[in-house]
Amino acid sequence: MIGLHAFAKRETRMYPEEPVYLPPRYRGRIVLTRDPDGAERCVACNLCAVACPVGCISLQKAETVDGRWYPEFFRINFSRCIFCGLCEEACPTTAIQLTPDSSWVNTSVRIWCTKRGSADFRSGQIPGI
């Protein structure tokens, strides 16, 4: 049965010019979300970093004047991330969400080597790209 694939018609996509079909459950961009009123949902409980099997999430918590915890910085090292979704499941406030967006992907090897995949998502942008 495996040998039959050698005679099947090849399907080649010219990515990124021609978009690729992504299934509905595709886990793409990781986003740190906010409440509708603009307040941060993340309470810096560190459960996402503990649940991550490869340890690619790092954060440091700080406290506001009213006593609420928030992440002073929140970083995901994409050179190590396997997009398993365990951080999303562990988050008690649904602050981390994996969206089906793949448009942020950059194919330049030079950027991954110089930035080492580290991105700060509090601004919602990937620095240096």
N, C-alpha and C. Protein backbone atom coordinates (compact mmCIF):
# COMPACT_ATOMS: atom_id res chain seq x y z
N MET A 1 0.80 -1.19 0.00
CA MET A 1 0.00 0.00 0.00
C MET A 1 0.85 1.27 0.00
N ILE A 2 1.94 1.24 0.68
CA ILE A 2 2.78 2.43 0.75
C ILE A 2 3.39 2.76 -0.60
N GLY A 3 3.72 1.77 -1.37
CA GLY A 3 4.32 1.98 -2.67
C GLY A 3 3.40 2.64 -3.68
N LEU A 4 2.08 2.59 -3.44
CA LEU A 4 1.12 3.21 -4.36
C LEU A 4 1.25 4.73 -4.38
N HIS A 5 1.74 5.33 -3.31
CA HIS A 5 1.90 6.78 -3.26
C HIS A 5 2.97 7.27 -4.24
N ALA A 6 3.85 6.40 -4.63
CA ALA A 6 4.89 6.79 -5.59
C ALA A 6 4.31 7.08 -6.97
N PHE A 7 3.17 6.49 -7.28
CA PHE A 7 2.55 6.68 -8.59
C PHE A 7 1.39 7.67 -8.56
N ALA A 8 1.06 8.21 -7.41
CA ALA A 8 -0.04 9.17 -7.29
C ALA A 8 0.38 10.53 -7.84
N LYS A 9 -0.61 11.33 -8.21
CA LYS A 9 -0.34 12.67 -8.73
C LYS A 9 0.24 13.55 -7.62
N ARG A 10 1.26 14.30 -7.94
CA ARG A 10 1.89 15.20 -6.97
C ARG A 10 1.06 16.47 -6.83
N GLU A 11 1.03 17.00 -5.62
CA GLU A 11 0.33 18.25 -5.38
C GLU A 11 1.33 19.23 -4.79
N THR A 12 1.67 20.24 -5.55
CA THR A 12 2.65 21.23 -5.13
C THR A 12 1.98 22.59 -5.02
N ARG A 13 2.22 23.28 -3.92
CA ARG A 13 1.69 24.63 -3.72
C ARG A 13 2.86 25.60 -3.73
N MET A 14 2.68 26.72 -4.39
CA MET A 14 3.71 27.76 -4.44
C MET A 14 3.48 28.73 -3.28
N TYR A 15 3.83 28.27 -2.07
CA TYR A 15 3.66 29.09 -0.87
C TYR A 15 4.77 30.13 -0.82
N PRO A 16 4.54 31.36 -0.46
CA PRO A 16 3.34 32.00 0.08
C PRO A 16 2.44 32.65 -0.97
N GLU A 17 2.79 32.57 -2.25
CA GLU A 17 1.95 33.18 -3.28
C GLU A 17 0.57 32.52 -3.34
N GLU A 18 0.53 31.21 -3.21
CA GLU A 18 -0.72 30.47 -3.24
C GLU A 18 -1.01 29.97 -1.82
N PRO A 19 -2.11 30.41 -1.21
CA PRO A 19 -2.38 30.01 0.17
C PRO A 19 -2.64 28.52 0.30
N VAL A 20 -2.30 28.00 1.46
CA VAL A 20 -2.46 26.58 1.76
C VAL A 20 -3.72 26.40 2.60
N TYR A 21 -4.44 25.31 2.38
CA TYR A 21 -5.62 25.02 3.19
C TYR A 21 -5.18 24.65 4.60
N LEU A 22 -5.79 25.30 5.58
CA LEU A 22 -5.52 24.99 6.98
C LEU A 22 -6.80 24.45 7.61
N PRO A 23 -6.73 23.33 8.31
CA PRO A 23 -7.93 22.78 8.94
C PRO A 23 -8.46 23.71 10.03
N PRO A 24 -9.73 23.58 10.39
CA PRO A 24 -10.33 24.49 11.39
C PRO A 24 -9.65 24.43 12.76
N ARG A 25 -9.06 23.30 13.12
CA ARG A 25 -8.41 23.18 14.43
C ARG A 25 -6.92 23.50 14.39
N TYR A 26 -6.47 24.16 13.34
CA TYR A 26 -5.06 24.52 13.20
C TYR A 26 -4.65 25.47 14.32
N ARG A 27 -3.52 25.20 14.96
CA ARG A 27 -3.00 26.05 16.03
C ARG A 27 -1.84 26.85 15.47
N GLY A 28 -2.07 28.14 15.27
CA GLY A 28 -1.05 28.99 14.66
C GLY A 28 -0.47 29.97 15.64
N ARG A 29 -0.85 31.21 15.51
CA ARG A 29 -0.29 32.29 16.32
C ARG A 29 -0.78 32.22 17.76
N ILE A 30 0.13 32.42 18.70
CA ILE A 30 -0.22 32.46 20.12
C ILE A 30 -0.40 33.91 20.51
N VAL A 31 -1.56 34.23 21.11
CA VAL A 31 -1.91 35.61 21.42
C VAL A 31 -2.20 35.73 22.91
N LEU A 32 -1.70 36.79 23.52
CA LEU A 32 -2.03 37.14 24.90
C LEU A 32 -3.15 38.17 24.83
N THR A 33 -4.37 37.78 25.23
CA THR A 33 -5.55 38.61 25.02
C THR A 33 -5.83 39.53 26.20
N ARG A 34 -6.74 40.46 25.96
CA ARG A 34 -7.19 41.42 26.98
C ARG A 34 -8.70 41.32 27.14
N ASP A 35 -9.21 41.88 28.23
CA ASP A 35 -10.65 41.97 28.45
C ASP A 35 -11.25 42.97 27.47
N PRO A 36 -12.58 42.93 27.29
CA PRO A 36 -13.21 43.93 26.42
C PRO A 36 -12.99 45.38 26.88
N ASP A 37 -12.78 45.58 28.18
CA ASP A 37 -12.53 46.94 28.67
C ASP A 37 -11.06 47.34 28.57
N GLY A 38 -10.21 46.46 28.07
CA GLY A 38 -8.80 46.79 27.84
C GLY A 38 -7.85 46.33 28.92
N ALA A 39 -8.35 45.77 30.02
CA ALA A 39 -7.48 45.29 31.10
C ALA A 39 -6.87 43.95 30.71
N GLU A 40 -5.68 43.69 31.24
CA GLU A 40 -5.01 42.42 30.95
C GLU A 40 -5.73 41.27 31.64
N ARG A 41 -5.90 40.19 30.91
CA ARG A 41 -6.50 38.99 31.49
C ARG A 41 -5.49 38.18 32.28
N CYS A 42 -4.25 38.23 31.86
CA CYS A 42 -3.20 37.44 32.50
C CYS A 42 -2.96 37.93 33.92
N VAL A 43 -2.98 37.01 34.88
CA VAL A 43 -2.74 37.34 36.27
C VAL A 43 -1.37 36.84 36.72
N ALA A 44 -0.52 36.45 35.79
CA ALA A 44 0.86 36.01 36.05
C ALA A 44 0.91 34.87 37.06
N CYS A 45 0.02 33.89 36.90
CA CYS A 45 -0.01 32.76 37.82
C CYS A 45 1.08 31.73 37.50
N ASN A 46 1.69 31.82 36.32
CA ASN A 46 2.80 30.97 35.89
C ASN A 46 2.37 29.54 35.56
N LEU A 47 1.07 29.27 35.47
CA LEU A 47 0.62 27.92 35.14
C LEU A 47 0.96 27.54 33.70
N CYS A 48 0.95 28.52 32.80
CA CYS A 48 1.29 28.23 31.40
C CYS A 48 2.75 27.80 31.28
N ALA A 49 3.64 28.46 32.00
CA ALA A 49 5.05 28.11 31.95
C ALA A 49 5.30 26.73 32.56
N VAL A 50 4.56 26.38 33.59
CA VAL A 50 4.71 25.07 34.22
C VAL A 50 4.15 23.97 33.31
N ALA A 51 3.05 24.25 32.61
CA ALA A 51 2.43 23.26 31.73
C ALA A 51 3.19 23.03 30.44
N CYS A 52 4.03 23.97 30.05
CA CYS A 52 4.75 23.87 28.78
C CYS A 52 5.77 22.73 28.85
N PRO A 53 5.67 21.73 27.95
CA PRO A 53 6.58 20.59 28.02
C PRO A 53 8.01 20.91 27.61
N VAL A 54 8.23 21.98 26.86
CA VAL A 54 9.58 22.32 26.42
C VAL A 54 10.14 23.56 27.12
N GLY A 55 9.36 24.19 27.98
CA GLY A 55 9.84 25.34 28.75
C GLY A 55 10.13 26.57 27.92
N CYS A 56 9.28 26.87 26.95
CA CYS A 56 9.55 28.01 26.08
C CYS A 56 8.87 29.29 26.54
N ILE A 57 8.08 29.26 27.62
CA ILE A 57 7.39 30.45 28.11
C ILE A 57 8.12 30.98 29.33
N SER A 58 8.40 32.27 29.31
CA SER A 58 8.99 32.92 30.48
C SER A 58 8.21 34.20 30.76
N LEU A 59 7.99 34.45 32.03
CA LEU A 59 7.29 35.67 32.43
C LEU A 59 7.76 36.09 33.80
N GLN A 60 7.56 37.36 34.07
CA GLN A 60 7.89 37.90 35.38
C GLN A 60 6.70 38.69 35.86
N LYS A 61 6.25 38.41 37.08
CA LYS A 61 5.06 39.08 37.56
C LYS A 61 5.38 40.35 38.32
N ALA A 62 4.42 41.26 38.25
CA ALA A 62 4.50 42.52 38.98
C ALA A 62 3.11 42.78 39.57
N GLU A 63 3.05 43.75 40.47
CA GLU A 63 1.79 44.04 41.15
C GLU A 63 1.39 45.49 40.91
N THR A 64 0.10 45.70 40.63
CA THR A 64 -0.40 47.07 40.47
C THR A 64 -0.63 47.68 41.84
N VAL A 65 -0.97 48.96 41.88
CA VAL A 65 -1.19 49.64 43.16
C VAL A 65 -2.43 49.11 43.87
N ASP A 66 -3.39 48.57 43.12
CA ASP A 66 -4.59 48.02 43.76
C ASP A 66 -4.42 46.54 44.14
N GLY A 67 -3.23 45.98 43.95
CA GLY A 67 -2.94 44.62 44.40
C GLY A 67 -3.17 43.53 43.37
N ARG A 68 -3.44 43.89 42.14
CA ARG A 68 -3.67 42.89 41.08
C ARG A 68 -2.34 42.53 40.43
N TRP A 69 -2.13 41.22 40.20
CA TRP A 69 -0.91 40.75 39.55
C TRP A 69 -1.06 40.85 38.04
N TYR A 70 0.03 41.17 37.37
CA TYR A 70 0.07 41.22 35.91
C TYR A 70 1.48 40.85 35.47
N PRO A 71 1.66 40.37 34.22
CA PRO A 71 3.02 40.04 33.77
C PRO A 71 3.78 41.29 33.36
N GLU A 72 4.93 41.49 33.98
CA GLU A 72 5.78 42.62 33.59
C GLU A 72 6.34 42.38 32.19
N PHE A 73 6.72 41.13 31.91
CA PHE A 73 7.03 40.72 30.54
C PHE A 73 6.56 39.28 30.36
N PHE A 74 6.18 38.97 29.14
CA PHE A 74 5.69 37.64 28.78
C PHE A 74 6.32 37.28 27.45
N ARG A 75 7.17 36.25 27.43
CA ARG A 75 7.90 35.88 26.21
C ARG A 75 7.69 34.41 25.89
N ILE A 76 7.58 34.16 24.59
CA ILE A 76 7.50 32.79 24.09
C ILE A 76 8.65 32.59 23.11
N ASN A 77 9.47 31.59 23.36
CA ASN A 77 10.59 31.29 22.49
C ASN A 77 10.09 30.37 21.38
N PHE A 78 9.87 30.93 20.19
CA PHE A 78 9.29 30.15 19.10
C PHE A 78 10.27 29.17 18.47
N SER A 79 11.54 29.28 18.76
CA SER A 79 12.47 28.28 18.25
C SER A 79 12.34 26.97 19.02
N ARG A 80 11.68 27.00 20.18
CA ARG A 80 11.46 25.79 20.97
C ARG A 80 10.00 25.37 21.03
N CYS A 81 9.06 26.28 20.76
CA CYS A 81 7.63 26.01 20.89
C CYS A 81 7.18 24.94 19.90
N ILE A 82 6.38 23.98 20.37
CA ILE A 82 5.86 22.92 19.51
C ILE A 82 4.36 23.11 19.25
N PHE A 83 3.79 24.22 19.69
CA PHE A 83 2.38 24.58 19.45
C PHE A 83 1.43 23.46 19.87
N CYS A 84 1.67 22.91 21.06
CA CYS A 84 0.85 21.80 21.54
C CYS A 84 -0.47 22.27 22.14
N GLY A 85 -0.54 23.51 22.61
CA GLY A 85 -1.77 24.05 23.17
C GLY A 85 -1.95 23.81 24.66
N LEU A 86 -0.96 23.22 25.32
CA LEU A 86 -1.09 22.96 26.76
C LEU A 86 -1.11 24.25 27.57
N CYS A 87 -0.45 25.29 27.09
CA CYS A 87 -0.48 26.58 27.79
C CYS A 87 -1.89 27.17 27.74
N GLU A 88 -2.56 27.01 26.62
CA GLU A 88 -3.94 27.51 26.47
C GLU A 88 -4.89 26.76 27.41
N GLU A 89 -4.71 25.46 27.54
CA GLU A 89 -5.55 24.67 28.43
C GLU A 89 -5.29 24.98 29.90
N ALA A 90 -4.05 25.30 30.25
CA ALA A 90 -3.70 25.53 31.65
C ALA A 90 -4.12 26.91 32.14
N CYS A 91 -4.35 27.85 31.25
CA CYS A 91 -4.64 29.23 31.65
C CYS A 91 -6.03 29.34 32.27
N PRO A 92 -6.13 29.77 33.54
CA PRO A 92 -7.45 29.85 34.20
C PRO A 92 -8.28 31.06 33.74
N THR A 93 -7.65 32.06 33.13
CA THR A 93 -8.38 33.27 32.72
C THR A 93 -8.54 33.37 31.22
N THR A 94 -8.21 32.33 30.47
CA THR A 94 -8.22 32.30 29.00
C THR A 94 -7.47 33.48 28.40
N ALA A 95 -6.34 33.83 29.01
CA ALA A 95 -5.53 34.93 28.49
C ALA A 95 -4.70 34.49 27.29
N ILE A 96 -4.24 33.24 27.27
CA ILE A 96 -3.47 32.72 26.14
C ILE A 96 -4.42 31.99 25.20
N GLN A 97 -4.37 32.36 23.94
CA GLN A 97 -5.20 31.70 22.94
C GLN A 97 -4.37 31.41 21.70
N LEU A 98 -4.57 30.24 21.13
CA LEU A 98 -3.92 29.88 19.87
C LEU A 98 -4.91 30.12 18.75
N THR A 99 -4.60 31.06 17.88
CA THR A 99 -5.49 31.42 16.79
C THR A 99 -5.08 30.68 15.52
N PRO A 100 -5.99 30.53 14.57
CA PRO A 100 -5.65 29.85 13.31
C PRO A 100 -4.91 30.74 12.32
N ASP A 101 -4.36 31.84 12.77
CA ASP A 101 -3.66 32.78 11.90
C ASP A 101 -2.25 32.27 11.61
N SER A 102 -1.89 32.20 10.34
CA SER A 102 -0.54 31.78 9.97
C SER A 102 0.18 32.86 9.18
N SER A 103 -0.41 34.05 9.08
CA SER A 103 0.19 35.11 8.27
C SER A 103 1.43 35.73 8.92
N TRP A 104 1.67 35.47 10.19
CA TRP A 104 2.82 36.03 10.88
C TRP A 104 4.10 35.24 10.61
N VAL A 105 3.98 34.10 9.98
CA VAL A 105 5.13 33.23 9.72
C VAL A 105 6.10 33.91 8.76
N ASN A 106 7.37 33.87 9.10
CA ASN A 106 8.40 34.44 8.26
C ASN A 106 9.35 33.32 7.85
N THR A 107 9.66 33.25 6.59
CA THR A 107 10.48 32.15 6.09
C THR A 107 11.97 32.48 6.08
N SER A 108 12.35 33.65 6.54
CA SER A 108 13.75 34.04 6.54
C SER A 108 14.49 33.37 7.69
N VAL A 109 15.48 32.56 7.38
CA VAL A 109 16.26 31.87 8.41
C VAL A 109 17.09 32.87 9.21
N ARG A 110 17.50 33.95 8.58
CA ARG A 110 18.35 34.95 9.24
C ARG A 110 17.65 35.55 10.46
N ILE A 111 16.35 35.81 10.37
CA ILE A 111 15.63 36.40 11.49
C ILE A 111 15.54 35.41 12.65
N TRP A 112 15.27 34.14 12.36
CA TRP A 112 15.17 33.16 13.43
C TRP A 112 16.51 32.98 14.13
N CYS A 113 17.61 33.11 13.39
CA CYS A 113 18.92 32.93 14.01
C CYS A 113 19.32 34.15 14.83
N THR A 114 19.00 35.36 14.38
CA THR A 114 19.42 36.54 15.12
C THR A 114 18.50 36.84 16.29
N LYS A 115 17.20 36.62 16.12
CA LYS A 115 16.25 36.89 17.20
C LYS A 115 16.05 35.69 18.11
N ARG A 116 16.49 34.54 17.67
CA ARG A 116 16.34 33.28 18.41
C ARG A 116 14.89 32.97 18.76
N GLY A 117 13.95 33.48 17.97
CA GLY A 117 12.55 33.13 18.16
C GLY A 117 11.88 33.76 19.35
N SER A 118 12.54 34.66 20.05
CA SER A 118 11.94 35.26 21.23
C SER A 118 11.09 36.46 20.82
N ALA A 119 9.85 36.49 21.29
CA ALA A 119 8.96 37.59 20.93
C ALA A 119 8.18 38.03 22.16
N ASP A 120 7.95 39.32 22.28
CA ASP A 120 7.16 39.88 23.36
C ASP A 120 5.76 40.16 22.81
N PHE A 121 4.75 39.51 23.37
CA PHE A 121 3.41 39.63 22.81
C PHE A 121 2.53 40.61 23.56
N ARG A 122 3.07 41.38 24.49
CA ARG A 122 2.23 42.37 25.15
C ARG A 122 1.83 43.45 24.17
N SER A 123 2.67 43.73 23.18
CA SER A 123 2.33 44.74 22.18
C SER A 123 1.56 44.14 21.02
N GLY A 124 1.55 42.81 20.90
CA GLY A 124 0.85 42.15 19.81
C GLY A 124 1.65 42.09 18.53
N GLN A 125 2.90 42.50 18.56
CA GLN A 125 3.74 42.51 17.37
C GLN A 125 5.00 41.69 17.64
N ILE A 126 5.59 41.21 16.58
CA ILE A 126 6.86 40.50 16.69
C ILE A 126 7.95 41.51 16.38
N PRO A 127 8.84 41.81 17.34
CA PRO A 127 9.85 42.84 17.10
C PRO A 127 10.87 42.41 16.05
N GLY A 128 11.29 43.36 15.26
CA GLY A 128 12.34 43.12 14.29
C GLY A 128 11.88 42.54 12.98
N ILE A 129 10.59 42.34 12.81
CA ILE A 129 10.10 41.79 11.54
C ILE A 129 9.32 42.85 10.81
